[in-house]
C-alpha atoms as a PDB file:
ATOM      1  CA  MET A   1     -25.820 -14.126  26.530  1.00  0.00           C
ATOM      2  CA  LYS A   2     -24.326 -12.687  23.366  1.00  0.00           C
ATOM      3  CA  LEU A   3     -20.705 -11.615  23.223  1.00  0.00           C
ATOM      4  CA  LEU A   4     -20.122  -7.858  22.941  1.00  0.00           C
ATOM      5  CA  ILE A   5     -16.677  -6.765  21.770  1.00  0.00           C
ATOM      6  CA  HIS A   6     -15.991  -3.211  22.881  1.00  0.00           C
ATOM      7  CA  THR A   7     -13.273  -1.548  20.804  1.00  0.00           C
ATOM      8  CA  GLY A   8     -13.797   1.997  22.107  1.00  0.00           C
ATOM      9  CA  GLY A   9     -15.387   4.972  20.381  1.00  0.00           C
ATOM     10  CA  THR A  10     -17.715   7.738  21.496  1.00  0.00           C
ATOM     11  CA  ILE A  11     -20.329   5.333  22.827  1.00  0.00           C
ATOM     12  CA  GLY A  12     -18.009   4.453  25.738  1.00  0.00           C
ATOM     13  CA  MET A  13     -16.237   7.779  26.228  1.00  0.00           C
ATOM     14  CA  ALA A  14     -16.168  10.266  29.081  1.00  0.00           C
ATOM     15  CA  PRO A  15     -15.068  13.931  29.241  1.00  0.00           C
ATOM     16  CA  GLY A  16     -11.388  14.544  29.959  1.00  0.00           C
ATOM     17  CA  GLY A  17      -8.870  17.343  29.911  1.00  0.00           C
ATOM     18  CA  ASN A  18      -8.494  17.264  26.117  1.00  0.00           C
ATOM     19  CA  GLY A  19     -12.096  16.364  25.286  1.00  0.00           C
ATOM     20  CA  LEU A  20     -13.926  13.049  25.068  1.00  0.00           C
ATOM     21  CA  ALA A  21     -11.750   9.950  25.434  1.00  0.00           C
ATOM     22  CA  PRO A  22     -12.429   6.201  25.835  1.00  0.00           C
ATOM     23  CA  ALA A  23     -13.242   5.295  29.453  1.00  0.00           C
ATOM     24  CA  PRO A  24     -13.017   1.736  30.817  1.00  0.00           C
ATOM     25  CA  GLY A  25     -16.161   0.297  32.357  1.00  0.00           C
ATOM     26  CA  VAL A  26     -18.747   2.564  30.697  1.00  0.00           C
ATOM     27  CA  VAL A  27     -20.094   0.013  28.206  1.00  0.00           C
ATOM     28  CA  GLU A  28     -19.721  -2.844  30.675  1.00  0.00           C
ATOM     29  CA  ALA A  29     -22.000  -1.051  33.147  1.00  0.00           C
ATOM     30  CA  ALA A  30     -24.589  -0.344  30.455  1.00  0.00           C
ATOM     31  CA  VAL A  31     -24.944  -3.989  29.361  1.00  0.00           C
ATOM     32  CA  ARG A  32     -24.422  -5.770  32.693  1.00  0.00           C
ATOM     33  CA  GLY A  33     -26.630  -8.843  32.801  1.00  0.00           C
ATOM     34  CA  ARG A  34     -27.459  -8.540  29.084  1.00  0.00           C
ATOM     35  CA  ALA A  35     -24.184  -9.402  27.347  1.00  0.00           C
ATOM     36  CA  ARG A  36     -20.711 -10.765  27.975  1.00  0.00           C
ATOM     37  CA  VAL A  37     -18.077  -8.099  27.273  1.00  0.00           C
ATOM     38  CA  THR A  38     -14.587  -8.451  25.858  1.00  0.00           C
ATOM     39  CA  ALA A  39     -12.924  -5.038  25.718  1.00  0.00           C
ATOM     40  CA  PHE A  40      -9.879  -3.912  23.819  1.00  0.00           C
ATOM     41  CA  ASP A  41      -7.052  -2.827  26.110  1.00  0.00           C
ATOM     42  CA  PRO A  42      -6.355  -0.048  25.564  1.00  0.00           C
ATOM     43  CA  LEU A  43      -9.702   1.163  24.279  1.00  0.00           C
ATOM     44  CA  LEU A  44      -9.403   3.070  21.023  1.00  0.00           C
ATOM     45  CA  ASP A  45     -10.727   6.162  19.387  1.00  0.00           C
ATOM     46  CA  SER A  46     -11.701   4.660  16.045  1.00  0.00           C
ATOM     47  CA  ALA A  47      -9.311   7.071  14.313  1.00  0.00           C
ATOM     48  CA  ASP A  48      -6.537   4.809  15.647  1.00  0.00           C
ATOM     49  CA  LEU A  49      -7.873   1.522  14.271  1.00  0.00           C
ATOM     50  CA  ASN A  50      -5.791  -0.327  11.669  1.00  0.00           C
ATOM     51  CA  HIS A  51      -5.633  -3.693   9.907  1.00  0.00           C
ATOM     52  CA  GLY A  52      -4.285  -5.375  13.044  1.00  0.00           C
ATOM     53  CA  HIS A  53      -7.439  -4.439  14.933  1.00  0.00           C
ATOM     54  CA  TRP A  54      -9.596  -5.874  12.138  1.00  0.00           C
ATOM     55  CA  ASN A  55      -7.649  -9.120  12.462  1.00  0.00           C
ATOM     56  CA  ARG A  56      -8.195  -9.134  16.219  1.00  0.00           C
ATOM     57  CA  LEU A  57     -11.925  -8.660  15.729  1.00  0.00           C
ATOM     58  CA  LEU A  58     -11.976 -11.532  13.242  1.00  0.00           C
ATOM     59  CA  ASP A  59     -10.120 -13.770  15.707  1.00  0.00           C
ATOM     60  CA  LEU A  60     -12.649 -13.010  18.462  1.00  0.00           C
ATOM     61  CA  ILE A  61     -15.692 -13.351  16.203  1.00  0.00           C
ATOM     62  CA  GLU A  62     -14.587 -16.668  14.738  1.00  0.00           C
ATOM     63  CA  ALA A  63     -13.627 -18.032  18.172  1.00  0.00           C
ATOM     64  CA  GLU A  64     -17.122 -17.187  19.475  1.00  0.00           C
ATOM     65  CA  ASN A  65     -18.772 -18.960  16.534  1.00  0.00           C
ATOM     66  CA  GLY A  66     -22.124 -17.351  17.303  1.00  0.00           C
ATOM     67  CA  PRO A  67     -23.871 -13.952  17.216  1.00  0.00           C
ATOM     68  CA  VAL A  68     -21.575 -11.061  18.173  1.00  0.00           C
ATOM     69  CA  ILE A  69     -22.074  -7.332  18.839  1.00  0.00           C
ATOM     70  CA  VAL A  70     -19.232  -4.870  18.255  1.00  0.00           C
ATOM     71  CA  THR A  71     -19.201  -1.366  19.726  1.00  0.00           C
ATOM     72  CA  HIS A  72     -17.078   1.014  17.705  1.00  0.00           C
ATOM     73  CA  GLY A  73     -16.378   4.671  17.000  1.00  0.00           C
ATOM     74  CA  THR A  74     -18.202   6.327  14.108  1.00  0.00           C
ATOM     75  CA  ASP A  75     -15.227   7.913  12.324  1.00  0.00           C
ATOM     76  CA  THR A  76     -13.878   4.716  10.757  1.00  0.00           C
ATOM     77  CA  LEU A  77     -16.985   2.572  11.138  1.00  0.00           C
ATOM     78  CA  SER A  78     -17.433   2.455   7.350  1.00  0.00           C
ATOM     79  CA  PHE A  79     -13.962   0.877   6.995  1.00  0.00           C
ATOM     80  CA  THR A  80     -14.577  -1.717   9.718  1.00  0.00           C
ATOM     81  CA  GLY A  81     -18.042  -2.465   8.328  1.00  0.00           C
ATOM     82  CA  ALA A  82     -16.504  -3.185   4.931  1.00  0.00           C
ATOM     83  CA  ALA A  83     -13.594  -5.125   6.449  1.00  0.00           C
ATOM     84  CA  LEU A  84     -15.783  -7.459   8.494  1.00  0.00           C
ATOM     85  CA  SER A  85     -18.417  -7.832   5.766  1.00  0.00           C
ATOM     86  CA  GLN A  86     -15.881  -8.950   3.188  1.00  0.00           C
ATOM     87  CA  ALA A  87     -13.598 -10.965   5.456  1.00  0.00           C
ATOM     88  CA  LEU A  88     -16.597 -12.816   6.931  1.00  0.00           C
ATOM     89  CA  ALA A  89     -18.400 -13.415   3.635  1.00  0.00           C
ATOM     90  CA  GLY A  90     -20.254 -16.715   4.018  1.00  0.00           C
ATOM     91  CA  TRP A  91     -19.955 -16.718   7.862  1.00  0.00           C
ATOM     92  CA  PRO A  92     -23.092 -18.377   9.289  1.00  0.00           C
ATOM     93  CA  HIS A  93     -23.676 -15.996  12.218  1.00  0.00           C
ATOM     94  CA  PRO A  94     -24.679 -12.316  12.461  1.00  0.00           C
ATOM     95  CA  VAL A  95     -22.281  -9.592  13.561  1.00  0.00           C
ATOM     96  CA  VAL A  96     -24.003  -6.366  14.641  1.00  0.00           C
ATOM     97  CA  LEU A  97     -21.956  -3.181  14.818  1.00  0.00           C
ATOM     98  CA  THR A  98     -23.179  -0.237  16.828  1.00  0.00           C
ATOM     99  CA  ALA A  99     -21.851   3.177  17.798  1.00  0.00           C
ATOM    100  CA  ALA A 100     -23.088   6.566  18.932  1.00  0.00           C
ATOM    101  CA  MET A 101     -22.664  10.263  18.275  1.00  0.00           C
ATOM    102  CA  GLN A 102     -22.871  10.975  22.019  1.00  0.00           C
ATOM    103  CA  PRO A 103     -21.567   8.845  24.915  1.00  0.00           C
ATOM    104  CA  LEU A 104     -23.677   6.694  27.200  1.00  0.00           C
ATOM    105  CA  GLY A 105     -25.209   8.639  30.056  1.00  0.00           C
ATOM    106  CA  MET A 106     -25.333  11.976  28.241  1.00  0.00           C
ATOM    107  CA  GLY A 107     -28.933  11.904  27.035  1.00  0.00           C
ATOM    108  CA  GLY A 108     -28.066  11.216  23.400  1.00  0.00           C
ATOM    109  CA  ASP A 109     -28.333   8.304  21.013  1.00  0.00           C
ATOM    110  CA  ALA A 110     -26.035   5.771  22.715  1.00  0.00           C
ATOM    111  CA  GLU A 111     -28.634   3.942  24.808  1.00  0.00           C
ATOM    112  CA  GLY A 112     -31.041   3.535  21.915  1.00  0.00           C
ATOM    113  CA  ASN A 113     -28.385   2.283  19.524  1.00  0.00           C
ATOM    114  CA  LEU A 114     -27.010  -0.158  22.081  1.00  0.00           C
ATOM    115  CA  ASP A 115     -30.481  -1.476  22.943  1.00  0.00           C
ATOM    116  CA  LEU A 116     -31.218  -1.955  19.231  1.00  0.00           C
ATOM    117  CA  ALA A 117     -28.005  -3.937  18.762  1.00  0.00           C
ATOM    118  CA  LEU A 118     -28.691  -6.137  21.778  1.00  0.00           C
ATOM    119  CA  ALA A 119     -32.237  -6.911  20.642  1.00  0.00           C
ATOM    120  CA  ALA A 120     -31.419  -7.446  16.969  1.00  0.00           C
ATOM    121  CA  GLU A 121     -31.825 -10.956  15.567  1.00  0.00           C
ATOM    122  CA  PRO A 122     -30.821 -10.590  11.917  1.00  0.00           C
ATOM    123  CA  GLY A 123     -29.675 -13.341   9.612  1.00  0.00           C
ATOM    124  CA  PRO A 124     -26.031 -14.008   8.807  1.00  0.00           C
ATOM    125  CA  GLY A 125     -23.988 -11.022   7.689  1.00  0.00           C
ATOM    126  CA  VAL A 126     -22.544  -7.860   9.168  1.00  0.00           C
ATOM    127  CA  TRP A 127     -25.050  -5.193  10.174  1.00  0.00           C
ATOM    128  CA  LEU A 128     -25.164  -1.715  11.669  1.00  0.00           C
ATOM    129  CA  ALA A 129     -27.679  -0.911  14.422  1.00  0.00           C
ATOM    130  CA  PHE A 130     -27.943   2.868  14.397  1.00  0.00           C
ATOM    131  CA  ALA A 131     -30.587   5.591  14.575  1.00  0.00           C
ATOM    132  CA  GLY A 132     -33.460   3.124  14.864  1.00  0.00           C
ATOM    133  CA  ARG A 133     -32.468   1.085  11.816  1.00  0.00           C
ATOM    134  CA  LEU A 134     -30.647  -2.167  11.140  1.00  0.00           C
ATOM    135  CA  VAL A 135     -28.792  -1.956   7.795  1.00  0.00           C
ATOM    136  CA  PRO A 136     -26.074  -3.940   5.996  1.00  0.00           C
ATOM    137  CA  ALA A 137     -22.647  -2.645   7.021  1.00  0.00           C
ATOM    138  CA  GLY A 138     -20.644  -3.433   3.879  1.00  0.00           C
ATOM    139  CA  GLY A 139     -21.212  -0.108   2.116  1.00  0.00           C
ATOM    140  CA  LEU A 140     -21.585   2.457   4.873  1.00  0.00           C
ATOM    141  CA  VAL A 141     -21.079   6.171   4.279  1.00  0.00           C
ATOM    142  CA  LYS A 142     -20.800   8.558   7.209  1.00  0.00           C
ATOM    143  CA  ALA A 143     -22.786  11.472   5.813  1.00  0.00           C
ATOM    144  CA  GLN A 144     -23.050  13.619   8.962  1.00  0.00           C
ATOM    145  CA  SER A 145     -20.353  14.577  11.449  1.00  0.00           C
ATOM    146  CA  HIS A 146     -22.735  15.506  14.279  1.00  0.00           C
ATOM    147  CA  ALA A 147     -26.329  14.432  13.531  1.00  0.00           C
ATOM    148  CA  ALA A 148     -27.733  11.321  15.209  1.00  0.00           C
ATOM    149  CA  ASP A 149     -28.782   9.782  11.864  1.00  0.00           C
ATOM    150  CA  ALA A 150     -25.229   9.902  10.561  1.00  0.00           C
ATOM    151  CA  PHE A 151     -24.971   6.923   8.191  1.00  0.00           C
ATOM    152  CA  ARG A 152     -26.229   5.858   4.801  1.00  0.00           C
ATOM    153  CA  ALA A 153     -25.923   2.298   3.523  1.00  0.00           C
ATOM    154  CA  ILE A 154     -24.986   1.971  -0.165  1.00  0.00           C
ATOM    155  CA  PRO A 155     -26.045  -1.369  -1.728  1.00  0.00           C
ATOM    156  CA  LEU A 156     -23.000  -3.322  -2.908  1.00  0.00           C
ATOM    157  CA  SER A 157     -22.389  -6.555  -4.778  1.00  0.00           C
ATOM    158  CA  PRO A 158     -22.099  -9.706  -2.628  1.00  0.00           C
ATOM    159  CA  GLY A 159     -18.772 -10.542  -1.051  1.00  0.00           C
ATOM    160  CA  PRO A 160     -16.498 -13.424  -2.080  1.00  0.00           C
ATOM    161  CA  GLY A 161     -18.233 -16.363  -0.383  1.00  0.00           C
ATOM    162  CA  PRO A 162     -18.201 -19.153   0.742  1.00  0.00           C
ATOM    163  CA  TRP A 163     -16.592 -18.491   4.106  1.00  0.00           C
ATOM    164  CA  ARG A 164     -12.891 -19.163   4.544  1.00  0.00           C
ATOM    165  CA  ARG A 165     -10.384 -17.703   6.947  1.00  0.00           C
ATOM    166  CA  ARG A 166      -9.323 -14.268   5.688  1.00  0.00           C
ATOM    167  CA  ARG A 167      -6.907 -11.847   7.334  1.00  0.00           C
ATOM    168  CA  PHE A 168      -5.323  -8.487   6.511  1.00  0.00           C
ATOM    169  CA  ALA A 169      -1.590  -8.295   5.852  1.00  0.00           C
ATOM    170  CA  GLY A 170       0.505  -5.258   6.786  1.00  0.00           C
ATOM    171  CA  LEU A 171       0.477  -3.673   3.343  1.00  0.00           C
ATOM    172  CA  ARG A 172       0.865  -0.045   2.242  1.00  0.00           C
ATOM    173  CA  LEU A 173      -2.522   0.991   0.855  1.00  0.00           C
ATOM    174  CA  ALA A 174      -4.367   4.298   0.608  1.00  0.00           C
ATOM    175  CA  ILE A 175      -7.306   6.142  -0.907  1.00  0.00           C
ATOM    176  CA  LEU A 176      -6.217   8.992  -3.190  1.00  0.00           C
ATOM    177  CA  THR A 177      -8.570  11.593  -4.632  1.00  0.00           C
ATOM    178  CA  ILE A 178      -8.015  12.956  -8.122  1.00  0.00           C
ATOM    179  CA  SER A 179      -8.785  16.677  -8.047  1.00  0.00           C
ATOM    180  CA  PRO A 180      -8.553  19.520 -10.602  1.00  0.00           C
ATOM    181  CA  GLY A 181      -4.969  20.694 -10.915  1.00  0.00           C
ATOM    182  CA  LEU A 182      -3.529  17.758  -8.972  1.00  0.00           C
ATOM    183  CA  PRO A 183       0.286  17.962  -9.238  1.00  0.00           C
ATOM    184  CA  VAL A 184       1.404  14.819 -11.051  1.00  0.00           C
ATOM    185  CA  ALA A 185       4.709  14.817  -9.161  1.00  0.00           C
ATOM    186  CA  MET A 186       2.795  14.562  -5.877  1.00  0.00           C
ATOM    187  CA  LEU A 187       0.719  11.641  -7.163  1.00  0.00           C
ATOM    188  CA  ARG A 188       3.816   9.882  -8.505  1.00  0.00           C
ATOM    189  CA  ALA A 189       5.587  10.320  -5.162  1.00  0.00           C
ATOM    190  CA  ALA A 190       2.585   8.934  -3.267  1.00  0.00           C
ATOM    191  CA  LEU A 191       2.233   5.924  -5.552  1.00  0.00           C
ATOM    192  CA  ALA A 192       5.941   5.159  -5.167  1.00  0.00           C
ATOM    193  CA  GLU A 193       5.276   4.472  -1.459  1.00  0.00           C
ATOM    194  CA  LEU A 194       2.282   2.193  -1.984  1.00  0.00           C
ATOM    195  CA  ASP A 195       1.512  -1.430  -2.783  1.00  0.00           C
ATOM    196  CA  GLY A 196      -1.901  -0.366  -4.037  1.00  0.00           C
ATOM    197  CA  ALA A 197      -4.378   2.487  -4.021  1.00  0.00           C
ATOM    198  CA  VAL A 198      -8.003   3.313  -4.591  1.00  0.00           C
ATOM    199  CA  LEU A 199      -8.378   6.356  -6.841  1.00  0.00           C
ATOM    200  CA  ARG A 200     -11.473   8.483  -6.344  1.00  0.00           C
ATOM    201  CA  VAL A 201     -12.170   9.853  -9.821  1.00  0.00           C
ATOM    202  CA  PHE A 202     -14.807  12.145 -11.302  1.00  0.00           C
ATOM    203  CA  GLY A 203     -18.364  11.097 -12.123  1.00  0.00           C
ATOM    204  CA  ALA A 204     -18.717   7.975 -14.253  1.00  0.00           C
ATOM    205  CA  GLY A 205     -14.928   7.628 -14.505  1.00  0.00           C
ATOM    206  CA  THR A 206     -12.974  10.616 -15.798  1.00  0.00           C
ATOM    207  CA  ILE A 207      -9.669  12.285 -14.918  1.00  0.00           C
ATOM    208  CA  PRO A 208      -7.807  15.345 -16.229  1.00  0.00           C
ATOM    209  CA  SER A 209      -6.536  14.854 -19.788  1.00  0.00           C
ATOM    210  CA  ASP A 210      -2.872  15.169 -18.853  1.00  0.00           C
ATOM    211  CA  PRO A 211      -0.431  12.756 -20.554  1.00  0.00           C
ATOM    212  CA  ALA A 212       1.883  13.021 -17.547  1.00  0.00           C
ATOM    213  CA  LEU A 213      -0.920  11.770 -15.286  1.00  0.00           C
ATOM    214  CA  GLU A 214      -1.503   8.733 -17.481  1.00  0.00           C
ATOM    215  CA  THR A 215       2.233   8.039 -17.514  1.00  0.00           C
ATOM    216  CA  ALA A 216       2.395   8.170 -13.704  1.00  0.00           C
ATOM    217  CA  LEU A 217      -0.480   5.700 -13.429  1.00  0.00           C
ATOM    218  CA  ARG A 218       0.981   3.414 -16.080  1.00  0.00           C
ATOM    219  CA  GLU A 219       4.392   3.401 -14.372  1.00  0.00           C
ATOM    220  CA  ALA A 220       2.862   2.547 -11.004  1.00  0.00           C
ATOM    221  CA  VAL A 221       0.887  -0.366 -12.456  1.00  0.00           C
ATOM    222  CA  ALA A 222       3.943  -1.602 -14.347  1.00  0.00           C
ATOM    223  CA  ARG A 223       5.990  -1.898 -11.158  1.00  0.00           C
ATOM    224  CA  GLY A 224       3.198  -3.880  -9.472  1.00  0.00           C
ATOM    225  CA  CYS A 225       1.180  -1.210  -7.657  1.00  0.00           C
ATOM    226  CA  ARG A 226      -2.469  -2.260  -7.886  1.00  0.00           C
ATOM    227  CA  LEU A 227      -4.754   0.681  -8.691  1.00  0.00           C
ATOM    228  CA  ARG A 228      -8.552   0.596  -8.551  1.00  0.00           C
ATOM    229  CA  ALA A 229     -10.859   3.471  -9.468  1.00  0.00           C
ATOM    230  CA  VAL A 230     -14.174   4.408  -7.871  1.00  0.00           C
ATOM    231  CA  SER A 231     -16.416   7.415  -8.363  1.00  0.00           C
ATOM    232  CA  ILE A 232     -16.421  10.355  -5.988  1.00  0.00           C
ATOM    233  CA  CYS A 233     -20.231  10.090  -6.278  1.00  0.00           C
ATOM    234  CA  GLU A 234     -21.966   7.958  -3.647  1.00  0.00           C
ATOM    235  CA  ASN A 235     -24.155   6.133  -6.165  1.00  0.00           C
ATOM    236  CA  GLY A 236     -23.991   4.988  -9.763  1.00  0.00           C
ATOM    237  CA  GLY A 237     -20.452   3.657 -10.040  1.00  0.00           C
ATOM    238  CA  LEU A 238     -18.182   3.856 -13.073  1.00  0.00           C
ATOM    239  CA  SER A 239     -18.879   3.349 -16.790  1.00  0.00           C
ATOM    240  CA  PRO A 240     -15.592   2.622 -18.600  1.00  0.00           C
ATOM    241  CA  GLY A 241     -15.716   3.824 -22.186  1.00  0.00           C
ATOM    242  CA  ALA A 242     -18.462   6.375 -21.594  1.00  0.00           C
ATOM    243  CA  TYR A 243     -16.125   9.382 -21.802  1.00  0.00           C
ATOM    244  CA  ALA A 244     -12.862   9.928 -23.641  1.00  0.00           C
ATOM    245  CA  ALA A 245     -11.582  11.775 -20.570  1.00  0.00           C
ATOM    246  CA  GLY A 246     -11.549   8.475 -18.719  1.00  0.00           C
ATOM    247  CA  ALA A 247      -9.792   6.359 -21.335  1.00  0.00           C
ATOM    248  CA  ALA A 248      -6.374   7.025 -19.786  1.00  0.00           C
ATOM    249  CA  LEU A 249      -7.406   5.136 -16.647  1.00  0.00           C
ATOM    250  CA  TRP A 250      -8.100   1.909 -18.463  1.00  0.00           C
ATOM    251  CA  ARG A 251      -5.153   2.275 -20.875  1.00  0.00           C
ATOM    252  CA  ALA A 252      -2.868   2.588 -17.852  1.00  0.00           C
ATOM    253  CA  GLY A 253      -4.225  -0.632 -16.317  1.00  0.00           C
ATOM    254  CA  VAL A 254      -6.322   0.873 -13.540  1.00  0.00           C
ATOM    255  CA  GLU A 255      -9.010  -1.559 -12.376  1.00  0.00           C
ATOM    256  CA  ASN A 256     -12.715  -0.763 -12.314  1.00  0.00           C
ATOM    257  CA  GLY A 257     -14.070  -0.537  -8.767  1.00  0.00           C
ATOM    258  CA  ALA A 258     -17.609  -0.431 -10.192  1.00  0.00           C
ATOM    259  CA  ALA A 259     -20.149   0.803  -7.616  1.00  0.00           C
ATOM    260  CA  ASP A 260     -18.004   0.190  -4.536  1.00  0.00           C
ATOM    261  CA  THR A 261     -17.605   2.926  -1.970  1.00  0.00           C
ATOM    262  CA  ALA A 262     -13.986   3.989  -1.573  1.00  0.00           C
ATOM    263  CA  GLU A 263     -13.869   2.138   1.751  1.00  0.00           C
ATOM    264  CA  ALA A 264     -15.272  -1.079   0.290  1.00  0.00           C
ATOM    265  CA  ALA A 265     -12.904  -0.870  -2.681  1.00  0.00           C
ATOM    266  CA  LEU A 266      -9.927  -0.402  -0.360  1.00  0.00           C
ATOM    267  CA  ILE A 267     -10.935  -3.449   1.695  1.00  0.00           C
ATOM    268  CA  ARG A 268     -11.533  -5.564  -1.416  1.00  0.00           C
ATOM    269  CA  LEU A 269      -8.075  -4.650  -2.712  1.00  0.00           C
ATOM    270  CA  TRP A 270      -6.507  -5.222   0.721  1.00  0.00           C
ATOM    271  CA  LEU A 271      -7.925  -8.726   1.001  1.00  0.00           C
ATOM    272  CA  GLU A 272      -6.868  -9.644  -2.538  1.00  0.00           C
ATOM    273  CA  LEU A 273      -3.302  -8.477  -1.922  1.00  0.00           C
ATOM    274  CA  SER A 274      -3.264 -10.016   1.569  1.00  0.00           C
ATOM    275  CA  GLY A 275      -4.025 -13.438   0.134  1.00  0.00           C
ATOM    276  CA  MET A 276      -0.816 -13.229  -1.878  1.00  0.00           C
ATOM    277  CA  ALA A 277       1.229 -11.587   0.886  1.00  0.00           C
ATOM    278  CA  LEU A 278       0.253 -14.075   3.572  1.00  0.00           C
ATOM    279  CA  ALA A 279       1.081 -16.952   1.219  1.00  0.00           C
ATOM    280  CA  ASP A 280       4.517 -15.370   0.689  1.00  0.00           C
ATOM    281  CA  PRO A 281       5.655 -13.726   3.972  1.00  0.00           C
ATOM    282  CA  ALA A 282       8.581 -12.055   2.176  1.00  0.00           C
ATOM    283  CA  ARG A 283       6.004  -9.718   0.625  1.00  0.00           C
ATOM    284  CA  MET A 284       4.756  -8.517   4.020  1.00  0.00           C
ATOM    285  CA  ARG A 285       5.994  -5.300   5.598  1.00  0.00           C
END
């Protein structure tokens, strides 16, 4: 039987005094006789997942060295999909993520999604079994907060294969959105606390034409803060040089995230920086 790693999430929740919360035994009962289950303890709402949980998943997946199913919450599924897809680039076995918008036993989508994941026999890679479809999980976008067909899969460039052991260091990274009228002092203060950031910028790659904004970005890059830009648009990516309003990004040393989703760009940056941090533990926080 395949290994199922249950992290938590709506699929295995039950009603409680403050609303739905992870409940031990729910997923185990649903797959009894069909899969072996290893459950996180404690189970997590996916809002609480962090890089340490990605590392734990990688440890379990690599130790199994065969097909694995992962049940997960939907809120940060796009981050975990990107994390596993990139960290396991070149891995010879499939990993199938699944989740649900309603818990098991409540007449919603959970049973169908779980059955799809259990039956799936895809090739190597990380996949999402959801709403009757099996799609690559590296560029997921949660486009609906309540509907059963909640995810879109954005095609992305291949990950950095062949496979090698990759893990996430405890770095200070974030996604920051450039918006009209953004106070430069706020951006500068945020960047001062970070080892790197993904900047969500306008369209094909533009930002407000404010010299102080360019200076803040340039100063952050100069002190070693890695910055990578992606478009706020789901598709199309960036085109450096297309607009004068974007020239400040590239003059300041911001990197081009191309067509990556913000989540995929964050993971790509995290793994790049982790390679250096794990080689030099003094860099880790």
